[in-house]
């Protein structure tokens, strides 16, 4: 065994050991995160259980995000508008982005930022744009865009995603298409 051990440099042994450790950690994380979405029953923990230290949250699936994005893009295409649609999760991370044929290059980032803004404040971005009159410093928050075209998606009155659309001639149209995407999730 020692002879085989000496064939690898110390750097190779450390790298291999690190890779094995990372694989074991990821496997353990996957098991924990797969079980984290299941609600914990208080009876299973016992009467002397400490105060609640975890929460369960609802997330939009990739299939639902794709369905919403496609519905928003379809609504825009019916009116011959060239837009980009972005769907972000509760944390503002992009889940799906669809760039329609002929959509302008600026629409990609704008759609993502509108979706992020909508989910961050759990409000349509058209309403948030109105708030800028009272609090103009809101526009300085990184990653946000206070233009109409973003809507939140909620479950149990809590935001779970945001849909942003950019590229139509008006923010009202962008928001109409984003709302079509959100509405597709309730059908």
C-alpha atoms as a PDB file:
ATOM      1  CA  UNK A   1       0.000   0.000   0.000  1.00  0.00           C
ATOM      2  CA  UNK A   2       2.869   2.394   0.808  1.00  0.00           C
ATOM      3  CA  UNK A   3       4.411   1.935  -2.620  1.00  0.00           C
ATOM      4  CA  UNK A   4       1.186   3.006  -4.336  1.00  0.00           C
ATOM      5  CA  UNK A   5       0.838   5.871  -1.888  1.00  0.00           C
ATOM      6  CA  UNK A   6       4.268   7.241  -2.858  1.00  0.00           C
ATOM      7  CA  UNK A   7       3.457   7.270  -6.580  1.00  0.00           C
ATOM      8  CA  UNK A   8       1.256  10.345  -6.154  1.00  0.00           C
ATOM      9  CA  UNK A   9       2.663  13.708  -5.167  1.00  0.00           C
ATOM     10  CA  UNK A  10       1.474  15.343  -2.006  1.00  0.00           C
ATOM     11  CA  UNK A  11      -0.445  17.911  -4.101  1.00  0.00           C
ATOM     12  CA  UNK A  12      -2.240  15.086  -5.997  1.00  0.00           C
ATOM     13  CA  UNK A  13      -3.145  13.308  -2.720  1.00  0.00           C
ATOM     14  CA  UNK A  14      -4.505  16.564  -1.230  1.00  0.00           C
ATOM     15  CA  UNK A  15      -6.498  17.340  -4.371  1.00  0.00           C
ATOM     16  CA  UNK A  16      -7.930  13.817  -4.515  1.00  0.00           C
ATOM     17  CA  UNK A  17      -8.799  13.901  -0.823  1.00  0.00           C
ATOM     18  CA  UNK A  18     -10.467  17.289  -1.263  1.00  0.00           C
ATOM     19  CA  UNK A  19     -12.506  16.029  -4.204  1.00  0.00           C
ATOM     20  CA  UNK A  20     -13.676  12.980  -2.223  1.00  0.00           C
ATOM     21  CA  UNK A  21     -14.570  15.193   0.733  1.00  0.00           C
ATOM     22  CA  UNK A  22     -16.514  17.586  -1.520  1.00  0.00           C
ATOM     23  CA  UNK A  23     -18.426  14.688  -3.117  1.00  0.00           C
ATOM     24  CA  UNK A  24     -19.388  13.298   0.297  1.00  0.00           C
ATOM     25  CA  UNK A  25     -20.432  16.774   1.504  1.00  0.00           C
ATOM     26  CA  UNK A  26     -22.561  17.385  -1.595  1.00  0.00           C
ATOM     27  CA  UNK A  27     -24.257  14.007  -1.227  1.00  0.00           C
ATOM     28  CA  UNK A  28     -25.050  14.819   2.389  1.00  0.00           C
ATOM     29  CA  UNK A  29     -26.289  18.297   1.461  1.00  0.00           C
ATOM     30  CA  UNK A  30     -28.572  16.844  -1.213  1.00  0.00           C
ATOM     31  CA  UNK A  31     -30.087  14.468   1.316  1.00  0.00           C
ATOM     32  CA  UNK A  32     -30.611  17.226   3.866  1.00  0.00           C
ATOM     33  CA  UNK A  33     -32.054  19.702   1.363  1.00  0.00           C
ATOM     34  CA  UNK A  34     -34.364  17.044  -0.101  1.00  0.00           C
ATOM     35  CA  UNK A  35     -35.721  16.423   3.383  1.00  0.00           C
ATOM     36  CA  UNK A  36     -35.781  20.097   4.414  1.00  0.00           C
ATOM     37  CA  UNK A  37     -38.930  20.786   2.426  1.00  0.00           C
ATOM     38  CA  UNK A  38     -40.923  18.222   4.403  1.00  0.00           C
ATOM     39  CA  UNK A  39     -42.697  19.782   7.378  1.00  0.00           C
ATOM     40  CA  UNK A  40     -41.490  18.655  10.791  1.00  0.00           C
ATOM     41  CA  UNK A  41     -44.255  17.354  13.003  1.00  0.00           C
ATOM     42  CA  UNK A  42     -44.069  18.567  16.590  1.00  0.00           C
ATOM     43  CA  UNK A  43     -45.303  15.184  17.875  1.00  0.00           C
ATOM     44  CA  UNK A  44     -42.243  13.475  16.405  1.00  0.00           C
ATOM     45  CA  UNK A  45     -39.902  15.790  18.256  1.00  0.00           C
ATOM     46  CA  UNK A  46     -41.610  15.422  21.620  1.00  0.00           C
ATOM     47  CA  UNK A  47     -43.167  17.674  24.220  1.00  0.00           C
ATOM     48  CA  UNK A  48     -39.852  19.115  25.392  1.00  0.00           C
ATOM     49  CA  UNK A  49     -38.956  20.378  21.903  1.00  0.00           C
ATOM     50  CA  UNK A  50     -37.174  23.735  21.763  1.00  0.00           C
ATOM     51  CA  UNK A  51     -38.720  26.753  20.067  1.00  0.00           C
ATOM     52  CA  UNK A  52     -39.123  26.488  16.297  1.00  0.00           C
ATOM     53  CA  UNK A  53     -35.799  27.147  14.591  1.00  0.00           C
ATOM     54  CA  UNK A  54     -36.623  26.418  10.959  1.00  0.00           C
ATOM     55  CA  UNK A  55     -39.258  27.443   8.456  1.00  0.00           C
ATOM     56  CA  UNK A  56     -40.723  25.869   5.382  1.00  0.00           C
ATOM     57  CA  UNK A  57     -41.044  27.958   2.251  1.00  0.00           C
ATOM     58  CA  UNK A  58     -42.765  27.515  -1.085  1.00  0.00           C
ATOM     59  CA  UNK A  59     -40.762  27.703  -4.291  1.00  0.00           C
ATOM     60  CA  UNK A  60     -41.730  27.901  -7.924  1.00  0.00           C
ATOM     61  CA  UNK A  61     -40.655  24.784  -9.845  1.00  0.00           C
ATOM     62  CA  UNK A  62     -38.620  25.049 -13.031  1.00  0.00           C
ATOM     63  CA  UNK A  63     -41.626  23.707 -14.959  1.00  0.00           C
ATOM     64  CA  UNK A  64     -43.908  26.384 -13.516  1.00  0.00           C
ATOM     65  CA  UNK A  65     -41.323  29.093 -14.209  1.00  0.00           C
ATOM     66  CA  UNK A  66     -40.969  27.928 -17.813  1.00  0.00           C
ATOM     67  CA  UNK A  67     -44.763  27.822 -18.212  1.00  0.00           C
ATOM     68  CA  UNK A  68     -45.101  31.378 -16.881  1.00  0.00           C
ATOM     69  CA  UNK A  69     -42.279  32.688 -19.072  1.00  0.00           C
ATOM     70  CA  UNK A  70     -43.710  31.060 -22.183  1.00  0.00           C
ATOM     71  CA  UNK A  71     -47.214  32.419 -21.448  1.00  0.00           C
ATOM     72  CA  UNK A  72     -45.804  35.949 -21.096  1.00  0.00           C
ATOM     73  CA  UNK A  73     -43.807  35.606 -24.319  1.00  0.00           C
ATOM     74  CA  UNK A  74     -46.846  34.208 -26.150  1.00  0.00           C
ATOM     75  CA  UNK A  75     -48.993  37.151 -24.971  1.00  0.00           C
ATOM     76  CA  UNK A  76     -46.416  39.593 -26.331  1.00  0.00           C
ATOM     77  CA  UNK A  77     -46.029  37.742 -29.616  1.00  0.00           C
ATOM     78  CA  UNK A  78     -49.820  37.812 -30.155  1.00  0.00           C
ATOM     79  CA  UNK A  79     -49.483  41.596 -30.256  1.00  0.00           C
ATOM     80  CA  UNK A  80     -46.338  41.479 -32.417  1.00  0.00           C
ATOM     81  CA  UNK A  81     -44.097  42.705 -29.603  1.00  0.00           C
ATOM     82  CA  UNK A  82     -40.470  41.643 -29.323  1.00  0.00           C
ATOM     83  CA  UNK A  83     -39.684  41.182 -25.652  1.00  0.00           C
ATOM     84  CA  UNK A  84     -37.564  39.289 -23.188  1.00  0.00           C
ATOM     85  CA  UNK A  85     -39.177  37.530 -20.217  1.00  0.00           C
ATOM     86  CA  UNK A  86     -37.340  36.649 -17.009  1.00  0.00           C
ATOM     87  CA  UNK A  87     -38.574  34.634 -14.037  1.00  0.00           C
ATOM     88  CA  UNK A  88     -36.648  34.834 -10.759  1.00  0.00           C
ATOM     89  CA  UNK A  89     -37.111  32.811  -7.599  1.00  0.00           C
ATOM     90  CA  UNK A  90     -37.898  34.155  -4.129  1.00  0.00           C
ATOM     91  CA  UNK A  91     -34.266  35.076  -3.622  1.00  0.00           C
ATOM     92  CA  UNK A  92     -34.035  36.968  -6.901  1.00  0.00           C
ATOM     93  CA  UNK A  93     -32.029  34.284  -8.698  1.00  0.00           C
ATOM     94  CA  UNK A  94     -32.894  33.872 -12.362  1.00  0.00           C
ATOM     95  CA  UNK A  95     -34.720  30.615 -13.048  1.00  0.00           C
ATOM     96  CA  UNK A  96     -35.762  31.125 -16.689  1.00  0.00           C
ATOM     97  CA  UNK A  97     -35.114  33.817 -19.282  1.00  0.00           C
ATOM     98  CA  UNK A  98     -36.688  33.723 -22.730  1.00  0.00           C
ATOM     99  CA  UNK A  99     -35.507  36.251 -25.269  1.00  0.00           C
ATOM    100  CA  UNK A 100     -38.074  36.591 -28.017  1.00  0.00           C
ATOM    101  CA  UNK A 101     -37.062  36.830 -31.646  1.00  0.00           C
ATOM    102  CA  UNK A 102     -35.902  40.359 -32.370  1.00  0.00           C
ATOM    103  CA  UNK A 103     -35.899  41.549 -28.739  1.00  0.00           C
ATOM    104  CA  UNK A 104     -33.417  44.345 -28.113  1.00  0.00           C
ATOM    105  CA  UNK A 105     -30.170  43.645 -26.263  1.00  0.00           C
ATOM    106  CA  UNK A 106     -31.139  45.929 -23.357  1.00  0.00           C
ATOM    107  CA  UNK A 107     -34.306  43.925 -22.716  1.00  0.00           C
ATOM    108  CA  UNK A 108     -32.473  40.931 -21.239  1.00  0.00           C
ATOM    109  CA  UNK A 109     -31.037  42.692 -18.192  1.00  0.00           C
ATOM    110  CA  UNK A 110     -34.094  44.939 -17.835  1.00  0.00           C
ATOM    111  CA  UNK A 111     -36.442  41.948 -17.641  1.00  0.00           C
ATOM    112  CA  UNK A 112     -34.312  40.298 -14.966  1.00  0.00           C
ATOM    113  CA  UNK A 113     -34.080  43.487 -12.909  1.00  0.00           C
ATOM    114  CA  UNK A 114     -37.849  44.102 -13.143  1.00  0.00           C
ATOM    115  CA  UNK A 115     -38.526  40.529 -11.982  1.00  0.00           C
ATOM    116  CA  UNK A 116     -36.042  40.948  -9.110  1.00  0.00           C
ATOM    117  CA  UNK A 117     -37.630  44.240  -8.067  1.00  0.00           C
ATOM    118  CA  UNK A 118     -41.162  42.793  -8.132  1.00  0.00           C
ATOM    119  CA  UNK A 119     -40.290  39.807  -5.953  1.00  0.00           C
ATOM    120  CA  UNK A 120     -38.149  41.882  -3.588  1.00  0.00           C
ATOM    121  CA  UNK A 121     -41.038  44.210  -2.710  1.00  0.00           C
ATOM    122  CA  UNK A 122     -43.893  41.788  -3.498  1.00  0.00           C
ATOM    123  CA  UNK A 123     -45.522  44.419  -5.685  1.00  0.00           C
ATOM    124  CA  UNK A 124     -45.882  45.232  -9.375  1.00  0.00           C
ATOM    125  CA  UNK A 125     -43.056  47.485 -10.511  1.00  0.00           C
ATOM    126  CA  UNK A 126     -45.543  50.039 -11.830  1.00  0.00           C
ATOM    127  CA  UNK A 127     -46.683  50.627  -8.235  1.00  0.00           C
ATOM    128  CA  UNK A 128     -43.101  50.750  -7.028  1.00  0.00           C
ATOM    129  CA  UNK A 129     -42.203  53.331  -9.682  1.00  0.00           C
ATOM    130  CA  UNK A 130     -44.849  55.604  -8.146  1.00  0.00           C
ATOM    131  CA  UNK A 131     -43.088  55.296  -4.768  1.00  0.00           C
ATOM    132  CA  UNK A 132     -39.974  56.910  -6.207  1.00  0.00           C
ATOM    133  CA  UNK A 133     -41.674  60.299  -5.914  1.00  0.00           C
ATOM    134  CA  UNK A 134     -41.628  59.975  -2.117  1.00  0.00           C
ATOM    135  CA  UNK A 135     -38.379  58.013  -1.830  1.00  0.00           C
ATOM    136  CA  UNK A 136     -36.089  58.686  -4.811  1.00  0.00           C
ATOM    137  CA  UNK A 137     -33.179  56.883  -3.128  1.00  0.00           C
ATOM    138  CA  UNK A 138     -34.911  53.538  -3.807  1.00  0.00           C
ATOM    139  CA  UNK A 139     -33.536  53.633  -7.354  1.00  0.00           C
ATOM    140  CA  UNK A 140     -30.024  53.319  -5.904  1.00  0.00           C
ATOM    141  CA  UNK A 141     -30.614  49.795  -4.577  1.00  0.00           C
ATOM    142  CA  UNK A 142     -28.416  47.432  -6.633  1.00  0.00           C
ATOM    143  CA  UNK A 143     -30.136  45.128  -9.096  1.00  0.00           C
ATOM    144  CA  UNK A 144     -33.463  46.942  -9.081  1.00  0.00           C
ATOM    145  CA  UNK A 145     -35.335  48.658 -11.880  1.00  0.00           C
ATOM    146  CA  UNK A 146     -38.343  50.781 -11.029  1.00  0.00           C
ATOM    147  CA  UNK A 147     -40.078  50.688 -14.403  1.00  0.00           C
ATOM    148  CA  UNK A 148     -43.408  49.019 -15.117  1.00  0.00           C
ATOM    149  CA  UNK A 149     -43.097  45.476 -16.385  1.00  0.00           C
ATOM    150  CA  UNK A 150     -42.530  43.297 -13.322  1.00  0.00           C
ATOM    151  CA  UNK A 151     -45.082  41.387 -11.246  1.00  0.00           C
ATOM    152  CA  UNK A 152     -44.688  39.158  -8.201  1.00  0.00           C
ATOM    153  CA  UNK A 153     -45.965  35.601  -7.987  1.00  0.00           C
ATOM    154  CA  UNK A 154     -47.320  34.725  -4.565  1.00  0.00           C
ATOM    155  CA  UNK A 155     -48.343  31.603  -2.679  1.00  0.00           C
ATOM    156  CA  UNK A 156     -50.083  31.860   0.673  1.00  0.00           C
ATOM    157  CA  UNK A 157     -49.675  35.656   0.516  1.00  0.00           C
ATOM    158  CA  UNK A 158     -45.881  35.399   0.329  1.00  0.00           C
ATOM    159  CA  UNK A 159     -43.733  36.143  -2.733  1.00  0.00           C
ATOM    160  CA  UNK A 160     -42.275  33.035  -4.370  1.00  0.00           C
ATOM    161  CA  UNK A 161     -41.128  34.481  -7.698  1.00  0.00           C
ATOM    162  CA  UNK A 162     -41.077  37.532  -9.911  1.00  0.00           C
ATOM    163  CA  UNK A 163     -41.788  37.837 -13.629  1.00  0.00           C
ATOM    164  CA  UNK A 164     -40.237  40.669 -15.586  1.00  0.00           C
ATOM    165  CA  UNK A 165     -40.854  41.667 -19.192  1.00  0.00           C
ATOM    166  CA  UNK A 166     -38.945  44.271 -21.172  1.00  0.00           C
ATOM    167  CA  UNK A 167     -38.886  45.426 -24.762  1.00  0.00           C
ATOM    168  CA  UNK A 168     -42.436  46.529 -25.559  1.00  0.00           C
ATOM    169  CA  UNK A 169     -43.007  50.208 -26.403  1.00  0.00           C
ATOM    170  CA  UNK A 170     -44.493  50.874 -22.954  1.00  0.00           C
ATOM    171  CA  UNK A 171     -44.108  49.616 -19.428  1.00  0.00           C
ATOM    172  CA  UNK A 172     -47.859  49.084 -19.260  1.00  0.00           C
ATOM    173  CA  UNK A 173     -47.574  46.566 -22.096  1.00  0.00           C
ATOM    174  CA  UNK A 174     -44.573  44.869 -20.472  1.00  0.00           C
ATOM    175  CA  UNK A 175     -46.532  44.534 -17.249  1.00  0.00           C
ATOM    176  CA  UNK A 176     -49.599  43.198 -19.060  1.00  0.00           C
ATOM    177  CA  UNK A 177     -47.461  40.413 -20.537  1.00  0.00           C
ATOM    178  CA  UNK A 178     -45.810  39.685 -17.183  1.00  0.00           C
ATOM    179  CA  UNK A 179     -49.250  39.420 -15.617  1.00  0.00           C
ATOM    180  CA  UNK A 180     -50.267  36.962 -18.367  1.00  0.00           C
ATOM    181  CA  UNK A 181     -47.349  34.813 -17.226  1.00  0.00           C
ATOM    182  CA  UNK A 182     -48.444  34.990 -13.604  1.00  0.00           C
ATOM    183  CA  UNK A 183     -52.046  34.233 -14.576  1.00  0.00           C
ATOM    184  CA  UNK A 184     -50.911  31.084 -16.418  1.00  0.00           C
ATOM    185  CA  UNK A 185     -49.847  29.639 -13.082  1.00  0.00           C
ATOM    186  CA  UNK A 186     -53.350  29.829 -11.632  1.00  0.00           C
ATOM    187  CA  UNK A 187     -55.086  28.000 -14.481  1.00  0.00           C
END
